[in-house]
Amino acid sequence: MIYDGLDAIGLYRGLTRGLDVLIDWLGKNDPADLPIGITEIDGKRVYANVMNTSTKHEKDARFETHRKYMDVQIDLEGAECFKTTPGAVVPAGDFDEATDKGYCHAAEGNDDLLEGCLAGGRFVVFMIGEPHMPNLVTPGAEPGAIKKICFKVAGDQFWDEV
């Protein structure tokens, strides 16, 4: 996971080809101008999914994972928290290759959880295979509406496949 202010995203240039494409695009475009839905930045290699959604309590959430794409997430309106774990997880159903998404729960005894909150110009990168639980309600708040972008960034090993 990378968690930082959006104005510092250039510090992460050189980590992956796709992240470099996104950094270049962000340097020339305002993500707030994107319409709801999918916008291709570099075909299926790097694209934005802008959505209106809502936050939820952790008891109503589960971790998700991806095998081909990293998620780079920012909030445009409202705020959310997230969690991730480097510890053991157990699958919660079959992995869906078509959507590149699977779900899991922290394994029994895994209390190794990292967390943060988006809004105020922050972003988070969830790496390929990293379990992450987005869209969590902020402390002291009730579930509410958020508008967010999930940039999907293909991993270098999949660059020529997508």
N, C-alpha and C. Protein backbone atom coordinates (compact mmCIF):
# COMPACT_ATOMS: atom_id res chain seq x y z
N MET A 1 0.84 -1.17 0.00
CA MET A 1 0.00 0.00 0.00
C MET A 1 0.89 1.24 0.00
N ILE A 2 0.44 2.21 -0.78
CA ILE A 2 1.03 3.54 -0.74
C ILE A 2 -0.11 4.47 -0.33
N TYR A 3 0.15 5.33 0.63
CA TYR A 3 -0.88 6.24 1.16
C TYR A 3 -0.22 7.59 1.34
N ASP A 4 -0.71 8.60 0.61
CA ASP A 4 -0.02 9.89 0.61
C ASP A 4 -0.98 10.97 0.13
N GLY A 5 -0.47 12.19 0.06
CA GLY A 5 -1.22 13.29 -0.52
C GLY A 5 -1.08 13.27 -2.03
N LEU A 6 -2.17 13.58 -2.73
CA LEU A 6 -2.16 13.52 -4.19
C LEU A 6 -1.09 14.43 -4.79
N ASP A 7 -0.76 15.52 -4.12
CA ASP A 7 0.27 16.41 -4.64
C ASP A 7 1.66 15.78 -4.59
N ALA A 8 1.81 14.66 -3.90
CA ALA A 8 3.10 13.98 -3.80
C ALA A 8 3.17 12.72 -4.67
N ILE A 9 2.17 12.48 -5.50
CA ILE A 9 2.14 11.22 -6.26
C ILE A 9 3.35 11.07 -7.18
N GLY A 10 3.92 12.17 -7.62
CA GLY A 10 5.10 12.11 -8.48
C GLY A 10 6.30 11.44 -7.82
N LEU A 11 6.32 11.38 -6.50
CA LEU A 11 7.41 10.70 -5.79
C LEU A 11 7.47 9.21 -6.12
N TYR A 12 6.36 8.67 -6.63
CA TYR A 12 6.26 7.24 -6.87
C TYR A 12 6.51 6.86 -8.33
N ARG A 13 6.99 7.84 -9.11
CA ARG A 13 7.35 7.59 -10.49
C ARG A 13 8.46 6.53 -10.53
N GLY A 14 8.31 5.62 -11.48
CA GLY A 14 9.32 4.59 -11.65
C GLY A 14 8.98 3.27 -10.99
N LEU A 15 7.92 3.23 -10.19
CA LEU A 15 7.56 1.96 -9.54
C LEU A 15 6.96 0.97 -10.52
N THR A 16 6.03 1.45 -11.37
CA THR A 16 5.45 0.59 -12.40
C THR A 16 5.16 1.45 -13.63
N ARG A 17 5.10 0.80 -14.76
CA ARG A 17 4.81 1.49 -16.02
C ARG A 17 3.45 2.18 -15.96
N GLY A 18 2.45 1.45 -15.48
CA GLY A 18 1.10 1.99 -15.42
C GLY A 18 0.95 3.15 -14.46
N LEU A 19 1.63 3.07 -13.33
CA LEU A 19 1.57 4.18 -12.38
C LEU A 19 2.20 5.43 -13.01
N ASP A 20 3.26 5.25 -13.79
CA ASP A 20 3.85 6.39 -14.50
C ASP A 20 2.86 7.01 -15.48
N VAL A 21 2.11 6.17 -16.20
CA VAL A 21 1.08 6.68 -17.12
C VAL A 21 0.06 7.51 -16.35
N LEU A 22 -0.38 7.00 -15.21
CA LEU A 22 -1.37 7.72 -14.41
C LEU A 22 -0.80 9.02 -13.86
N ILE A 23 0.43 9.00 -13.39
CA ILE A 23 1.06 10.22 -12.87
C ILE A 23 1.14 11.28 -13.97
N ASP A 24 1.53 10.87 -15.17
CA ASP A 24 1.57 11.82 -16.29
C ASP A 24 0.18 12.38 -16.58
N TRP A 25 -0.83 11.51 -16.59
CA TRP A 25 -2.19 11.95 -16.87
C TRP A 25 -2.67 12.93 -15.81
N LEU A 26 -2.41 12.63 -14.54
CA LEU A 26 -2.83 13.52 -13.45
C LEU A 26 -2.14 14.88 -13.54
N GLY A 27 -0.92 14.91 -14.09
CA GLY A 27 -0.22 16.17 -14.25
C GLY A 27 -0.84 17.09 -15.29
N LYS A 28 -1.69 16.53 -16.16
CA LYS A 28 -2.30 17.31 -17.24
C LYS A 28 -3.81 17.43 -17.12
N ASN A 29 -4.42 16.68 -16.20
CA ASN A 29 -5.88 16.61 -16.11
C ASN A 29 -6.34 16.74 -14.66
N ASP A 30 -7.54 17.26 -14.49
CA ASP A 30 -8.16 17.33 -13.18
C ASP A 30 -9.10 16.15 -13.05
N PRO A 31 -8.84 15.23 -12.12
CA PRO A 31 -9.70 14.05 -12.00
C PRO A 31 -11.14 14.40 -11.67
N ALA A 32 -11.38 15.56 -11.08
CA ALA A 32 -12.74 15.98 -10.76
C ALA A 32 -13.57 16.24 -12.02
N ASP A 33 -12.92 16.41 -13.17
CA ASP A 33 -13.63 16.65 -14.42
C ASP A 33 -14.14 15.36 -15.08
N LEU A 34 -13.75 14.21 -14.57
CA LEU A 34 -14.17 12.94 -15.17
C LEU A 34 -15.65 12.68 -14.95
N PRO A 35 -16.33 12.12 -15.94
CA PRO A 35 -17.75 11.78 -15.77
C PRO A 35 -17.91 10.49 -14.98
N ILE A 36 -19.09 10.27 -14.47
CA ILE A 36 -19.41 9.00 -13.81
C ILE A 36 -19.22 7.86 -14.82
N GLY A 37 -18.65 6.76 -14.38
CA GLY A 37 -18.44 5.61 -15.24
C GLY A 37 -16.97 5.43 -15.58
N ILE A 38 -16.73 4.66 -16.62
CA ILE A 38 -15.37 4.29 -17.04
C ILE A 38 -14.84 5.29 -18.06
N THR A 39 -13.61 5.74 -17.83
CA THR A 39 -12.89 6.57 -18.79
C THR A 39 -11.52 5.94 -19.00
N GLU A 40 -11.23 5.57 -20.24
CA GLU A 40 -9.93 4.99 -20.54
C GLU A 40 -8.87 6.08 -20.60
N ILE A 41 -7.74 5.80 -19.98
CA ILE A 41 -6.59 6.70 -19.99
C ILE A 41 -5.53 6.15 -20.94
N ASP A 42 -5.27 4.86 -20.84
CA ASP A 42 -4.40 4.14 -21.77
C ASP A 42 -5.07 2.79 -22.06
N GLY A 43 -6.18 2.86 -22.77
CA GLY A 43 -6.95 1.66 -23.08
C GLY A 43 -7.36 0.93 -21.82
N LYS A 44 -7.24 -0.38 -21.83
CA LYS A 44 -7.58 -1.21 -20.66
C LYS A 44 -6.40 -1.29 -19.68
N ARG A 45 -5.28 -0.72 -20.05
CA ARG A 45 -4.10 -0.76 -19.17
C ARG A 45 -4.26 0.17 -17.96
N VAL A 46 -4.76 1.36 -18.22
CA VAL A 46 -4.98 2.35 -17.15
C VAL A 46 -6.30 3.02 -17.45
N TYR A 47 -7.24 2.92 -16.52
CA TYR A 47 -8.52 3.59 -16.71
C TYR A 47 -9.10 4.02 -15.38
N ALA A 48 -10.06 4.93 -15.46
CA ALA A 48 -10.71 5.47 -14.26
C ALA A 48 -12.14 4.96 -14.19
N ASN A 49 -12.55 4.62 -13.00
CA ASN A 49 -13.95 4.27 -12.73
C ASN A 49 -14.45 5.25 -11.69
N VAL A 50 -15.24 6.22 -12.14
CA VAL A 50 -15.81 7.23 -11.24
C VAL A 50 -17.18 6.75 -10.81
N MET A 51 -17.41 6.77 -9.50
CA MET A 51 -18.68 6.23 -9.00
C MET A 51 -19.23 7.03 -7.84
N ASN A 52 -20.55 7.02 -7.77
CA ASN A 52 -21.25 7.47 -6.58
C ASN A 52 -21.58 6.22 -5.78
N THR A 53 -21.15 6.18 -4.55
CA THR A 53 -21.39 5.01 -3.71
C THR A 53 -21.61 5.50 -2.29
N SER A 54 -21.62 4.60 -1.35
CA SER A 54 -21.78 5.02 0.04
C SER A 54 -20.83 4.24 0.93
N THR A 55 -20.53 4.83 2.06
CA THR A 55 -19.68 4.17 3.03
C THR A 55 -20.50 3.15 3.81
N LYS A 56 -19.80 2.26 4.50
CA LYS A 56 -20.47 1.22 5.27
C LYS A 56 -19.64 0.92 6.52
N HIS A 57 -20.30 0.30 7.48
CA HIS A 57 -19.60 -0.13 8.68
C HIS A 57 -18.74 -1.35 8.37
N GLU A 58 -17.66 -1.52 9.10
CA GLU A 58 -16.75 -2.63 8.85
C GLU A 58 -17.46 -3.98 8.96
N LYS A 59 -18.42 -4.11 9.84
CA LYS A 59 -19.14 -5.38 10.00
C LYS A 59 -19.89 -5.77 8.72
N ASP A 60 -20.16 -4.80 7.86
CA ASP A 60 -20.87 -5.05 6.61
C ASP A 60 -19.93 -5.14 5.41
N ALA A 61 -18.63 -5.18 5.66
CA ALA A 61 -17.64 -5.13 4.58
C ALA A 61 -16.77 -6.39 4.60
N ARG A 62 -16.01 -6.55 3.53
CA ARG A 62 -15.01 -7.61 3.45
C ARG A 62 -13.86 -7.09 2.60
N PHE A 63 -12.75 -7.77 2.71
CA PHE A 63 -11.59 -7.40 1.90
C PHE A 63 -11.82 -7.85 0.45
N GLU A 64 -11.25 -7.11 -0.48
CA GLU A 64 -11.23 -7.52 -1.88
C GLU A 64 -9.78 -7.60 -2.33
N THR A 65 -9.55 -8.40 -3.37
CA THR A 65 -8.21 -8.53 -3.95
C THR A 65 -8.32 -8.53 -5.47
N HIS A 66 -7.22 -8.21 -6.12
CA HIS A 66 -7.15 -8.21 -7.58
C HIS A 66 -5.86 -8.90 -8.00
N ARG A 67 -5.89 -9.54 -9.15
CA ARG A 67 -4.71 -10.28 -9.62
C ARG A 67 -3.97 -9.58 -10.75
N LYS A 68 -4.65 -8.71 -11.50
CA LYS A 68 -4.01 -8.05 -12.65
C LYS A 68 -3.87 -6.54 -12.49
N TYR A 69 -4.71 -5.95 -11.67
CA TYR A 69 -4.75 -4.50 -11.55
C TYR A 69 -4.48 -4.03 -10.13
N MET A 70 -3.77 -2.91 -10.04
CA MET A 70 -3.68 -2.15 -8.81
C MET A 70 -4.87 -1.20 -8.77
N ASP A 71 -5.29 -0.83 -7.59
CA ASP A 71 -6.28 0.23 -7.41
C ASP A 71 -5.58 1.48 -6.90
N VAL A 72 -5.86 2.61 -7.54
CA VAL A 72 -5.44 3.91 -7.03
C VAL A 72 -6.73 4.66 -6.75
N GLN A 73 -7.02 4.92 -5.49
CA GLN A 73 -8.31 5.47 -5.11
C GLN A 73 -8.18 6.87 -4.51
N ILE A 74 -9.12 7.74 -4.91
CA ILE A 74 -9.24 9.07 -4.32
C ILE A 74 -10.72 9.39 -4.15
N ASP A 75 -11.04 10.20 -3.17
CA ASP A 75 -12.41 10.66 -2.96
C ASP A 75 -12.54 12.07 -3.53
N LEU A 76 -13.61 12.27 -4.29
CA LEU A 76 -13.91 13.59 -4.84
C LEU A 76 -14.89 14.35 -3.96
N GLU A 77 -15.85 13.65 -3.38
CA GLU A 77 -16.84 14.25 -2.48
C GLU A 77 -17.06 13.29 -1.32
N GLY A 78 -17.13 13.83 -0.12
CA GLY A 78 -17.29 12.99 1.04
C GLY A 78 -15.95 12.40 1.45
N ALA A 79 -16.01 11.47 2.40
CA ALA A 79 -14.78 10.86 2.90
C ALA A 79 -15.05 9.42 3.31
N GLU A 80 -14.04 8.61 3.17
CA GLU A 80 -14.12 7.20 3.56
C GLU A 80 -12.83 6.80 4.25
N CYS A 81 -12.92 5.72 4.98
CA CYS A 81 -11.74 5.08 5.54
C CYS A 81 -11.53 3.76 4.82
N PHE A 82 -10.38 3.17 5.02
CA PHE A 82 -10.08 1.87 4.41
C PHE A 82 -9.21 1.08 5.37
N LYS A 83 -9.14 -0.21 5.13
CA LYS A 83 -8.23 -1.09 5.85
C LYS A 83 -7.56 -2.01 4.85
N THR A 84 -6.39 -2.47 5.22
CA THR A 84 -5.68 -3.49 4.47
C THR A 84 -4.95 -4.36 5.47
N THR A 85 -4.52 -5.52 5.04
CA THR A 85 -3.78 -6.40 5.93
C THR A 85 -2.66 -7.10 5.19
N PRO A 86 -1.47 -7.11 5.78
CA PRO A 86 -0.39 -7.93 5.23
C PRO A 86 -0.44 -9.35 5.80
N GLY A 87 -1.37 -9.59 6.72
CA GLY A 87 -1.48 -10.90 7.37
C GLY A 87 -2.29 -11.89 6.56
N ALA A 88 -2.50 -13.05 7.13
CA ALA A 88 -3.20 -14.14 6.48
C ALA A 88 -4.68 -13.82 6.27
N VAL A 89 -5.21 -14.27 5.13
CA VAL A 89 -6.63 -14.12 4.82
C VAL A 89 -7.18 -15.46 4.35
N VAL A 90 -8.51 -15.56 4.40
CA VAL A 90 -9.19 -16.75 3.89
C VAL A 90 -10.19 -16.29 2.83
N PRO A 91 -10.28 -17.01 1.71
CA PRO A 91 -11.21 -16.61 0.65
C PRO A 91 -12.65 -16.61 1.14
N ALA A 92 -13.43 -15.72 0.55
CA ALA A 92 -14.88 -15.64 0.82
C ALA A 92 -15.58 -15.79 -0.52
N GLY A 93 -15.45 -16.97 -1.13
CA GLY A 93 -16.03 -17.22 -2.45
C GLY A 93 -14.96 -17.37 -3.50
N ASP A 94 -15.41 -17.64 -4.71
CA ASP A 94 -14.50 -17.85 -5.84
C ASP A 94 -14.02 -16.51 -6.40
N PHE A 95 -12.81 -16.49 -6.94
CA PHE A 95 -12.27 -15.32 -7.61
C PHE A 95 -12.93 -15.20 -8.98
N ASP A 96 -13.35 -13.99 -9.35
CA ASP A 96 -13.99 -13.74 -10.64
C ASP A 96 -12.94 -13.17 -11.59
N GLU A 97 -12.46 -14.00 -12.50
CA GLU A 97 -11.43 -13.58 -13.45
C GLU A 97 -11.92 -12.45 -14.35
N ALA A 98 -13.20 -12.48 -14.74
CA ALA A 98 -13.74 -11.47 -15.66
C ALA A 98 -13.70 -10.07 -15.06
N THR A 99 -13.94 -9.96 -13.76
CA THR A 99 -13.93 -8.65 -13.11
C THR A 99 -12.64 -8.40 -12.34
N ASP A 100 -11.74 -9.40 -12.35
CA ASP A 100 -10.48 -9.33 -11.60
C ASP A 100 -10.74 -8.98 -10.14
N LYS A 101 -11.67 -9.69 -9.53
CA LYS A 101 -12.00 -9.40 -8.14
C LYS A 101 -12.34 -10.67 -7.38
N GLY A 102 -11.78 -10.74 -6.18
CA GLY A 102 -12.13 -11.78 -5.24
C GLY A 102 -12.31 -11.16 -3.88
N TYR A 103 -12.98 -11.89 -3.00
CA TYR A 103 -13.23 -11.39 -1.65
C TYR A 103 -12.61 -12.33 -0.64
N CYS A 104 -12.27 -11.79 0.52
CA CYS A 104 -11.68 -12.58 1.59
C CYS A 104 -11.93 -11.90 2.93
N HIS A 105 -11.62 -12.64 3.97
CA HIS A 105 -11.70 -12.15 5.35
C HIS A 105 -10.34 -12.36 5.99
N ALA A 106 -10.04 -11.58 7.00
CA ALA A 106 -8.82 -11.82 7.77
C ALA A 106 -8.93 -13.19 8.43
N ALA A 107 -7.85 -13.96 8.36
CA ALA A 107 -7.83 -15.28 8.99
C ALA A 107 -7.91 -15.13 10.51
N GLU A 108 -8.40 -16.17 11.14
CA GLU A 108 -8.48 -16.15 12.60
C GLU A 108 -7.10 -15.86 13.19
N GLY A 109 -7.06 -14.93 14.11
CA GLY A 109 -5.81 -14.54 14.73
C GLY A 109 -5.06 -13.44 13.99
N ASN A 110 -5.49 -13.09 12.80
CA ASN A 110 -4.84 -12.01 12.06
C ASN A 110 -5.39 -10.68 12.56
N ASP A 111 -4.63 -10.01 13.37
CA ASP A 111 -5.01 -8.68 13.84
C ASP A 111 -4.06 -7.62 13.29
N ASP A 112 -3.34 -7.98 12.22
CA ASP A 112 -2.39 -7.07 11.57
C ASP A 112 -3.13 -6.24 10.53
N LEU A 113 -3.78 -5.18 10.97
CA LEU A 113 -4.59 -4.33 10.09
C LEU A 113 -3.98 -2.95 10.02
N LEU A 114 -3.91 -2.42 8.82
CA LEU A 114 -3.45 -1.05 8.58
C LEU A 114 -4.66 -0.27 8.09
N GLU A 115 -4.73 1.01 8.43
CA GLU A 115 -5.89 1.79 8.03
C GLU A 115 -5.53 3.23 7.73
N GLY A 116 -6.43 3.88 7.03
CA GLY A 116 -6.27 5.28 6.70
C GLY A 116 -7.60 5.84 6.24
N CYS A 117 -7.62 7.12 5.95
CA CYS A 117 -8.84 7.79 5.47
C CYS A 117 -8.52 8.61 4.24
N LEU A 118 -9.45 8.61 3.32
CA LEU A 118 -9.32 9.42 2.11
C LEU A 118 -10.16 10.67 2.26
N ALA A 119 -9.87 11.64 1.49
CA ALA A 119 -10.46 12.98 1.44
C ALA A 119 -9.30 13.94 1.67
N GLY A 120 -9.57 15.19 1.52
CA GLY A 120 -8.53 16.18 1.77
C GLY A 120 -7.31 16.01 0.90
N GLY A 121 -7.50 15.51 -0.33
CA GLY A 121 -6.38 15.41 -1.26
C GLY A 121 -5.50 14.19 -1.07
N ARG A 122 -5.96 13.18 -0.36
CA ARG A 122 -5.16 11.97 -0.18
C ARG A 122 -5.50 10.93 -1.24
N PHE A 123 -4.57 10.01 -1.44
CA PHE A 123 -4.81 8.86 -2.33
C PHE A 123 -4.23 7.62 -1.67
N VAL A 124 -4.67 6.48 -2.15
CA VAL A 124 -4.11 5.20 -1.71
C VAL A 124 -3.93 4.32 -2.93
N VAL A 125 -2.83 3.58 -2.95
CA VAL A 125 -2.58 2.57 -3.98
C VAL A 125 -2.60 1.22 -3.28
N PHE A 126 -3.50 0.36 -3.72
CA PHE A 126 -3.52 -1.02 -3.25
C PHE A 126 -2.86 -1.85 -4.35
N MET A 127 -1.79 -2.52 -3.99
CA MET A 127 -1.01 -3.28 -4.95
C MET A 127 -1.74 -4.56 -5.35
N ILE A 128 -1.33 -5.17 -6.44
CA ILE A 128 -1.90 -6.43 -6.89
C ILE A 128 -1.75 -7.47 -5.77
N GLY A 129 -2.86 -8.14 -5.48
CA GLY A 129 -2.86 -9.18 -4.46
C GLY A 129 -3.03 -8.68 -3.04
N GLU A 130 -3.03 -7.37 -2.84
CA GLU A 130 -3.13 -6.82 -1.49
C GLU A 130 -4.60 -6.74 -1.06
N PRO A 131 -4.98 -7.46 -0.01
CA PRO A 131 -6.36 -7.38 0.47
C PRO A 131 -6.66 -5.97 0.97
N HIS A 132 -7.76 -5.40 0.50
CA HIS A 132 -8.14 -4.06 0.94
C HIS A 132 -9.65 -3.96 1.10
N MET A 133 -10.04 -3.15 2.06
CA MET A 133 -11.44 -2.96 2.41
C MET A 133 -11.75 -1.46 2.31
N PRO A 134 -12.20 -1.00 1.14
CA PRO A 134 -12.50 0.42 0.95
C PRO A 134 -13.91 0.77 1.43
N ASN A 135 -14.25 2.04 1.32
CA ASN A 135 -15.60 2.55 1.54
C ASN A 135 -16.09 2.39 2.98
N LEU A 136 -15.19 2.41 3.94
CA LEU A 136 -15.60 2.31 5.33
C LEU A 136 -15.98 3.69 5.87
N VAL A 137 -16.96 3.70 6.74
CA VAL A 137 -17.43 4.93 7.35
C VAL A 137 -16.30 5.54 8.20
N THR A 138 -16.23 6.86 8.21
CA THR A 138 -15.22 7.54 9.01
C THR A 138 -15.61 7.49 10.49
N PRO A 139 -14.65 7.55 11.39
CA PRO A 139 -14.94 7.45 12.83
C PRO A 139 -15.98 8.48 13.29
N GLY A 140 -16.96 7.99 14.02
CA GLY A 140 -17.99 8.86 14.57
C GLY A 140 -19.10 9.23 13.61
N ALA A 141 -19.00 8.78 12.37
CA ALA A 141 -20.01 9.15 11.36
C ALA A 141 -20.92 7.95 11.09
N GLU A 142 -22.01 8.24 10.44
CA GLU A 142 -22.92 7.20 9.94
C GLU A 142 -22.61 7.00 8.46
N PRO A 143 -22.99 5.86 7.90
CA PRO A 143 -22.78 5.66 6.46
C PRO A 143 -23.38 6.80 5.65
N GLY A 144 -22.67 7.21 4.62
CA GLY A 144 -23.13 8.32 3.79
C GLY A 144 -22.57 8.23 2.39
N ALA A 145 -23.04 9.13 1.56
CA ALA A 145 -22.67 9.16 0.15
C ALA A 145 -21.24 9.66 -0.03
N ILE A 146 -20.55 9.07 -1.00
CA ILE A 146 -19.25 9.55 -1.45
C ILE A 146 -19.20 9.44 -2.96
N LYS A 147 -18.41 10.32 -3.54
CA LYS A 147 -18.09 10.22 -4.96
C LYS A 147 -16.60 9.97 -5.02
N LYS A 148 -16.21 8.91 -5.69
CA LYS A 148 -14.81 8.52 -5.69
C LYS A 148 -14.36 8.07 -7.06
N ILE A 149 -13.05 8.00 -7.21
CA ILE A 149 -12.44 7.43 -8.41
C ILE A 149 -11.59 6.26 -7.98
N CYS A 150 -11.76 5.16 -8.68
CA CYS A 150 -10.86 4.03 -8.56
C CYS A 150 -10.16 3.90 -9.90
N PHE A 151 -8.90 4.34 -9.94
CA PHE A 151 -8.09 4.15 -11.15
C PHE A 151 -7.60 2.71 -11.13
N LYS A 152 -7.80 2.01 -12.22
CA LYS A 152 -7.32 0.65 -12.37
C LYS A 152 -6.04 0.71 -13.20
N VAL A 153 -4.97 0.13 -12.66
CA VAL A 153 -3.65 0.21 -13.28
C VAL A 153 -3.11 -1.21 -13.44
N ALA A 154 -2.97 -1.65 -14.68
CA ALA A 154 -2.47 -3.00 -14.94
C ALA A 154 -1.04 -3.15 -14.44
N GLY A 155 -0.76 -4.30 -13.86
CA GLY A 155 0.60 -4.60 -13.43
C GLY A 155 1.51 -4.78 -14.64
N ASP A 156 2.78 -4.49 -14.47
CA ASP A 156 3.73 -4.60 -15.57
C ASP A 156 3.70 -5.98 -16.22
N GLN A 157 3.54 -7.02 -15.43
CA GLN A 157 3.54 -8.37 -15.98
C GLN A 157 2.32 -8.66 -16.85
N PHE A 158 1.30 -7.81 -16.78
CA PHE A 158 0.07 -7.98 -17.58
C PHE A 158 -0.09 -6.90 -18.65
N TRP A 159 0.91 -6.03 -18.76
CA TRP A 159 0.81 -4.85 -19.62
C TRP A 159 0.42 -5.18 -21.05
N ASP A 160 0.97 -6.22 -21.61
CA ASP A 160 0.68 -6.57 -23.00
C ASP A 160 -0.52 -7.50 -23.16
N GLU A 161 -1.11 -7.93 -22.06
CA GLU A 161 -2.25 -8.84 -22.10
C GLU A 161 -3.60 -8.13 -22.06
N VAL A 162 -3.64 -6.96 -21.45
CA VAL A 162 -4.94 -6.27 -21.28
C VAL A 162 -5.20 -5.27 -22.37
